[in-house]
Amino acid sequence: MNLPFCTILKIPEFNELVYQNRWREALDRLLETNNFPEFTGRVCPAPCEGSCVLGIIENPVSIKSIECAIIDKAFEEGWMVPQPPQKRTGYVRNISLSLSATSLLRLLA
């Protein structure tokens, strides 16, 4: 079954944390399900925003901009620090798979 990437995100949870001005916790929650929010927040066409049920009565939740705000604040505050891998790994030809595989392998190392 093909599900959009956004279906596994904890969107209501990190939105609530941002609303409560708990940015560091929002970052931690976002990173639980998204290894690359600095990319997905900018590149994803955000089909989830168009299907947000809140859009029936008012503007839908702007998931993409909230995700960008969280990751931008994380870089500004120094919470996101590049972590080069300690070990060399093989590569996967597909760039998306390669990035995901490298990220997961780094967690296992």
N, C-alpha and C. Protein backbone atom coordinates (compact mmCIF):
# COMPACT_ATOMS: atom_id res chain seq x y z
N MET A 1 0.85 -1.17 0.00
CA MET A 1 0.00 0.00 0.00
C MET A 1 0.90 1.24 0.00
N ASN A 2 0.64 2.18 -0.87
CA ASN A 2 1.40 3.42 -0.93
C ASN A 2 0.67 4.50 -0.15
N LEU A 3 1.30 4.95 0.92
CA LEU A 3 0.74 6.03 1.72
C LEU A 3 1.62 7.25 1.57
N PRO A 4 1.04 8.43 1.57
CA PRO A 4 1.88 9.63 1.53
C PRO A 4 2.75 9.70 2.77
N PHE A 5 3.93 10.26 2.60
CA PHE A 5 4.88 10.38 3.70
C PHE A 5 4.26 11.07 4.91
N CYS A 6 3.42 12.06 4.67
CA CYS A 6 2.87 12.86 5.77
C CYS A 6 1.95 12.06 6.69
N THR A 7 1.49 10.89 6.26
CA THR A 7 0.57 10.13 7.11
C THR A 7 1.24 9.55 8.33
N ILE A 8 2.57 9.45 8.33
CA ILE A 8 3.25 8.91 9.51
C ILE A 8 3.75 10.01 10.45
N LEU A 9 3.68 11.24 10.02
CA LEU A 9 4.13 12.34 10.87
C LEU A 9 3.18 12.56 12.04
N LYS A 10 3.71 13.07 13.10
CA LYS A 10 2.91 13.36 14.29
C LYS A 10 2.51 14.85 14.25
N ILE A 11 1.79 15.20 13.21
CA ILE A 11 1.47 16.59 12.92
C ILE A 11 0.73 17.28 14.07
N PRO A 12 -0.36 16.73 14.59
CA PRO A 12 -1.04 17.42 15.69
C PRO A 12 -0.14 17.61 16.91
N GLU A 13 0.74 16.65 17.14
CA GLU A 13 1.62 16.74 18.30
C GLU A 13 2.64 17.86 18.16
N PHE A 14 3.35 17.92 17.02
CA PHE A 14 4.34 18.99 16.92
C PHE A 14 3.69 20.35 16.72
N ASN A 15 2.50 20.40 16.12
CA ASN A 15 1.78 21.68 16.03
C ASN A 15 1.42 22.20 17.42
N GLU A 16 0.94 21.33 18.28
CA GLU A 16 0.57 21.73 19.64
C GLU A 16 1.80 22.22 20.41
N LEU A 17 2.92 21.56 20.25
CA LEU A 17 4.14 21.98 20.94
C LEU A 17 4.60 23.35 20.46
N VAL A 18 4.49 23.62 19.17
CA VAL A 18 4.83 24.96 18.65
C VAL A 18 3.88 25.99 19.24
N TYR A 19 2.59 25.67 19.26
CA TYR A 19 1.59 26.58 19.83
C TYR A 19 1.92 26.92 21.28
N GLN A 20 2.46 25.95 22.01
CA GLN A 20 2.82 26.14 23.42
C GLN A 20 4.22 26.73 23.58
N ASN A 21 4.85 27.11 22.46
CA ASN A 21 6.19 27.69 22.46
C ASN A 21 7.24 26.71 23.01
N ARG A 22 7.04 25.43 22.79
CA ARG A 22 7.97 24.38 23.23
C ARG A 22 8.69 23.84 21.99
N TRP A 23 9.52 24.71 21.43
CA TRP A 23 10.15 24.45 20.14
C TRP A 23 11.09 23.25 20.15
N ARG A 24 11.88 23.12 21.20
CA ARG A 24 12.83 22.00 21.25
C ARG A 24 12.08 20.66 21.26
N GLU A 25 11.00 20.59 22.01
CA GLU A 25 10.20 19.37 22.06
C GLU A 25 9.52 19.13 20.70
N ALA A 26 9.11 20.21 20.05
CA ALA A 26 8.50 20.08 18.72
C ALA A 26 9.52 19.50 17.74
N LEU A 27 10.76 19.96 17.83
CA LEU A 27 11.82 19.41 16.98
C LEU A 27 12.01 17.92 17.25
N ASP A 28 12.08 17.55 18.51
CA ASP A 28 12.27 16.14 18.86
C ASP A 28 11.12 15.29 18.30
N ARG A 29 9.90 15.79 18.42
CA ARG A 29 8.74 15.05 17.93
C ARG A 29 8.78 14.94 16.40
N LEU A 30 9.14 16.02 15.74
CA LEU A 30 9.24 16.01 14.28
C LEU A 30 10.30 15.01 13.81
N LEU A 31 11.44 14.99 14.49
CA LEU A 31 12.53 14.10 14.09
C LEU A 31 12.25 12.63 14.37
N GLU A 32 11.25 12.34 15.17
CA GLU A 32 10.88 10.94 15.42
C GLU A 32 10.39 10.26 14.14
N THR A 33 9.79 11.02 13.26
CA THR A 33 9.21 10.42 12.05
C THR A 33 9.73 11.03 10.75
N ASN A 34 10.59 12.02 10.83
CA ASN A 34 11.08 12.67 9.62
C ASN A 34 12.58 12.93 9.78
N ASN A 35 13.39 12.23 9.01
CA ASN A 35 14.84 12.40 9.09
C ASN A 35 15.34 13.66 8.41
N PHE A 36 14.54 14.23 7.51
CA PHE A 36 15.01 15.36 6.71
C PHE A 36 13.98 16.49 6.62
N PRO A 37 13.53 17.04 7.74
CA PRO A 37 12.52 18.10 7.65
C PRO A 37 13.03 19.35 6.94
N GLU A 38 14.34 19.56 6.93
CA GLU A 38 14.88 20.73 6.23
C GLU A 38 14.66 20.62 4.73
N PHE A 39 14.50 19.40 4.21
CA PHE A 39 14.19 19.19 2.80
C PHE A 39 12.70 19.08 2.56
N THR A 40 12.05 18.21 3.32
CA THR A 40 10.63 17.95 3.07
C THR A 40 9.78 19.19 3.32
N GLY A 41 10.18 20.03 4.25
CA GLY A 41 9.42 21.24 4.52
C GLY A 41 9.48 22.24 3.38
N ARG A 42 10.44 22.08 2.51
CA ARG A 42 10.59 23.01 1.39
C ARG A 42 10.24 22.40 0.04
N VAL A 43 10.46 21.12 -0.13
CA VAL A 43 10.31 20.48 -1.43
C VAL A 43 8.95 19.80 -1.59
N CYS A 44 8.40 19.27 -0.53
CA CYS A 44 7.14 18.52 -0.61
C CYS A 44 6.01 19.42 -1.12
N PRO A 45 5.17 18.93 -2.03
CA PRO A 45 4.05 19.73 -2.52
C PRO A 45 2.90 19.85 -1.51
N ALA A 46 3.03 19.20 -0.36
CA ALA A 46 2.07 19.29 0.75
C ALA A 46 0.63 18.94 0.37
N PRO A 47 0.40 17.75 -0.17
CA PRO A 47 -0.97 17.36 -0.48
C PRO A 47 -1.83 17.23 0.78
N CYS A 48 -1.17 17.03 1.93
CA CYS A 48 -1.91 16.90 3.19
C CYS A 48 -2.63 18.20 3.55
N GLU A 49 -2.06 19.34 3.17
CA GLU A 49 -2.71 20.61 3.50
C GLU A 49 -4.03 20.75 2.75
N GLY A 50 -4.05 20.32 1.52
CA GLY A 50 -5.28 20.40 0.73
C GLY A 50 -6.37 19.45 1.21
N SER A 51 -5.96 18.38 1.88
CA SER A 51 -6.95 17.41 2.37
C SER A 51 -7.24 17.58 3.86
N CYS A 52 -6.70 18.61 4.47
CA CYS A 52 -6.94 18.87 5.90
C CYS A 52 -8.42 19.16 6.12
N VAL A 53 -9.06 18.43 7.03
CA VAL A 53 -10.50 18.59 7.24
C VAL A 53 -10.85 19.97 7.82
N LEU A 54 -9.89 20.63 8.44
CA LEU A 54 -10.14 21.98 8.94
C LEU A 54 -10.47 22.92 7.79
N GLY A 55 -9.97 22.60 6.59
CA GLY A 55 -10.23 23.41 5.41
C GLY A 55 -11.69 23.52 5.04
N ILE A 56 -12.54 22.69 5.63
CA ILE A 56 -13.98 22.77 5.36
C ILE A 56 -14.56 24.06 5.92
N ILE A 57 -14.06 24.50 7.08
CA ILE A 57 -14.63 25.69 7.73
C ILE A 57 -13.69 26.89 7.79
N GLU A 58 -12.40 26.66 7.63
CA GLU A 58 -11.43 27.76 7.62
C GLU A 58 -10.18 27.31 6.89
N ASN A 59 -9.12 28.10 6.95
CA ASN A 59 -7.89 27.73 6.26
C ASN A 59 -7.31 26.45 6.87
N PRO A 60 -6.80 25.55 6.02
CA PRO A 60 -6.20 24.32 6.55
C PRO A 60 -4.92 24.61 7.32
N VAL A 61 -4.51 23.66 8.12
CA VAL A 61 -3.26 23.79 8.88
C VAL A 61 -2.11 23.86 7.89
N SER A 62 -1.23 24.81 8.08
CA SER A 62 -0.09 25.00 7.18
C SER A 62 1.09 24.16 7.67
N ILE A 63 0.98 22.86 7.45
CA ILE A 63 1.96 21.90 7.95
C ILE A 63 3.36 22.22 7.42
N LYS A 64 3.43 22.52 6.16
CA LYS A 64 4.72 22.78 5.52
C LYS A 64 5.45 23.97 6.16
N SER A 65 4.74 25.06 6.40
CA SER A 65 5.39 26.23 6.98
C SER A 65 5.74 26.01 8.45
N ILE A 66 4.93 25.22 9.16
CA ILE A 66 5.25 24.92 10.56
C ILE A 66 6.50 24.04 10.63
N GLU A 67 6.57 23.07 9.75
CA GLU A 67 7.74 22.20 9.69
C GLU A 67 9.00 23.03 9.39
N CYS A 68 8.90 23.95 8.45
CA CYS A 68 10.03 24.83 8.12
C CYS A 68 10.42 25.69 9.31
N ALA A 69 9.42 26.23 10.00
CA ALA A 69 9.70 27.08 11.16
C ALA A 69 10.43 26.30 12.25
N ILE A 70 10.01 25.06 12.48
CA ILE A 70 10.66 24.24 13.51
C ILE A 70 12.12 24.00 13.15
N ILE A 71 12.38 23.58 11.93
CA ILE A 71 13.75 23.25 11.56
C ILE A 71 14.62 24.50 11.45
N ASP A 72 14.06 25.62 10.98
CA ASP A 72 14.82 26.87 10.93
C ASP A 72 15.22 27.32 12.33
N LYS A 73 14.30 27.23 13.27
CA LYS A 73 14.60 27.60 14.66
C LYS A 73 15.66 26.66 15.24
N ALA A 74 15.58 25.39 14.89
CA ALA A 74 16.56 24.42 15.39
C ALA A 74 17.97 24.77 14.93
N PHE A 75 18.11 25.17 13.67
CA PHE A 75 19.42 25.57 13.18
C PHE A 75 19.87 26.88 13.83
N GLU A 76 18.96 27.84 13.98
CA GLU A 76 19.29 29.12 14.62
C GLU A 76 19.77 28.92 16.06
N GLU A 77 19.11 28.01 16.77
CA GLU A 77 19.44 27.77 18.18
C GLU A 77 20.61 26.81 18.37
N GLY A 78 21.08 26.21 17.29
CA GLY A 78 22.20 25.27 17.39
C GLY A 78 21.80 23.88 17.84
N TRP A 79 20.51 23.57 17.76
CA TRP A 79 20.04 22.23 18.14
C TRP A 79 20.34 21.20 17.06
N MET A 80 20.45 21.65 15.83
CA MET A 80 20.77 20.76 14.71
C MET A 80 22.23 20.97 14.35
N VAL A 81 23.02 19.95 14.54
CA VAL A 81 24.44 20.01 14.24
C VAL A 81 24.76 18.87 13.27
N PRO A 82 25.43 19.17 12.18
CA PRO A 82 25.77 18.09 11.25
C PRO A 82 26.56 17.00 11.95
N GLN A 83 26.22 15.76 11.66
CA GLN A 83 26.89 14.61 12.27
C GLN A 83 27.41 13.70 11.17
N PRO A 84 28.62 13.96 10.70
CA PRO A 84 29.17 13.09 9.66
C PRO A 84 29.29 11.66 10.18
N PRO A 85 29.04 10.68 9.34
CA PRO A 85 29.14 9.29 9.78
C PRO A 85 30.58 8.93 10.16
N GLN A 86 30.73 8.10 11.18
CA GLN A 86 32.05 7.65 11.61
C GLN A 86 32.58 6.53 10.72
N LYS A 87 31.64 5.79 10.12
CA LYS A 87 32.02 4.67 9.27
C LYS A 87 31.54 4.94 7.85
N ARG A 88 32.26 4.39 6.90
CA ARG A 88 31.82 4.50 5.51
C ARG A 88 30.76 3.44 5.26
N THR A 89 29.79 3.79 4.44
CA THR A 89 28.75 2.84 4.09
C THR A 89 28.65 2.75 2.58
N GLY A 90 27.97 1.73 2.11
CA GLY A 90 27.71 1.62 0.67
C GLY A 90 26.70 2.67 0.27
N TYR A 91 26.37 2.72 -0.98
CA TYR A 91 25.39 3.70 -1.42
C TYR A 91 24.27 3.01 -2.17
N VAL A 92 23.15 3.67 -2.17
CA VAL A 92 21.98 3.23 -2.92
C VAL A 92 21.85 4.20 -4.08
N ARG A 93 21.57 3.72 -5.25
CA ARG A 93 21.57 4.57 -6.44
C ARG A 93 20.50 5.66 -6.40
N ASN A 94 19.36 5.38 -5.83
CA ASN A 94 18.29 6.37 -5.72
C ASN A 94 18.64 7.34 -4.60
N ILE A 95 18.68 8.63 -4.87
CA ILE A 95 19.13 9.62 -3.89
C ILE A 95 18.24 9.64 -2.64
N SER A 96 16.93 9.53 -2.81
CA SER A 96 16.04 9.54 -1.64
C SER A 96 16.30 8.33 -0.76
N LEU A 97 16.40 7.17 -1.38
CA LEU A 97 16.69 5.96 -0.61
C LEU A 97 18.06 6.02 0.02
N SER A 98 19.01 6.58 -0.70
CA SER A 98 20.37 6.69 -0.18
C SER A 98 20.41 7.56 1.07
N LEU A 99 19.74 8.69 1.03
CA LEU A 99 19.71 9.58 2.20
C LEU A 99 19.04 8.90 3.39
N SER A 100 17.92 8.25 3.14
CA SER A 100 17.21 7.57 4.22
C SER A 100 18.04 6.42 4.78
N ALA A 101 18.64 5.63 3.90
CA ALA A 101 19.45 4.50 4.35
C ALA A 101 20.65 4.98 5.16
N THR A 102 21.31 6.01 4.71
CA THR A 102 22.46 6.55 5.43
C THR A 102 22.05 7.05 6.80
N SER A 103 20.94 7.73 6.87
CA SER A 103 20.45 8.24 8.15
C SER A 103 20.15 7.10 9.11
N LEU A 104 19.48 6.07 8.63
CA LEU A 104 19.14 4.93 9.49
C LEU A 104 20.39 4.15 9.89
N LEU A 105 21.34 3.98 8.99
CA LEU A 105 22.58 3.28 9.33
C LEU A 105 23.37 4.04 10.39
N ARG A 106 23.33 5.37 10.33
CA ARG A 106 24.02 6.18 11.33
C ARG A 106 23.41 5.95 12.71
N LEU A 107 22.09 5.78 12.77
CA LEU A 107 21.43 5.52 14.05
C LEU A 107 21.85 4.16 14.61
N LEU A 108 22.08 3.19 13.73
CA LEU A 108 22.46 1.85 14.18
C LEU A 108 23.92 1.76 14.59
N ALA A 109 24.75 2.66 14.08
CA ALA A 109 26.20 2.60 14.36
C ALA A 109 26.52 2.97 15.79
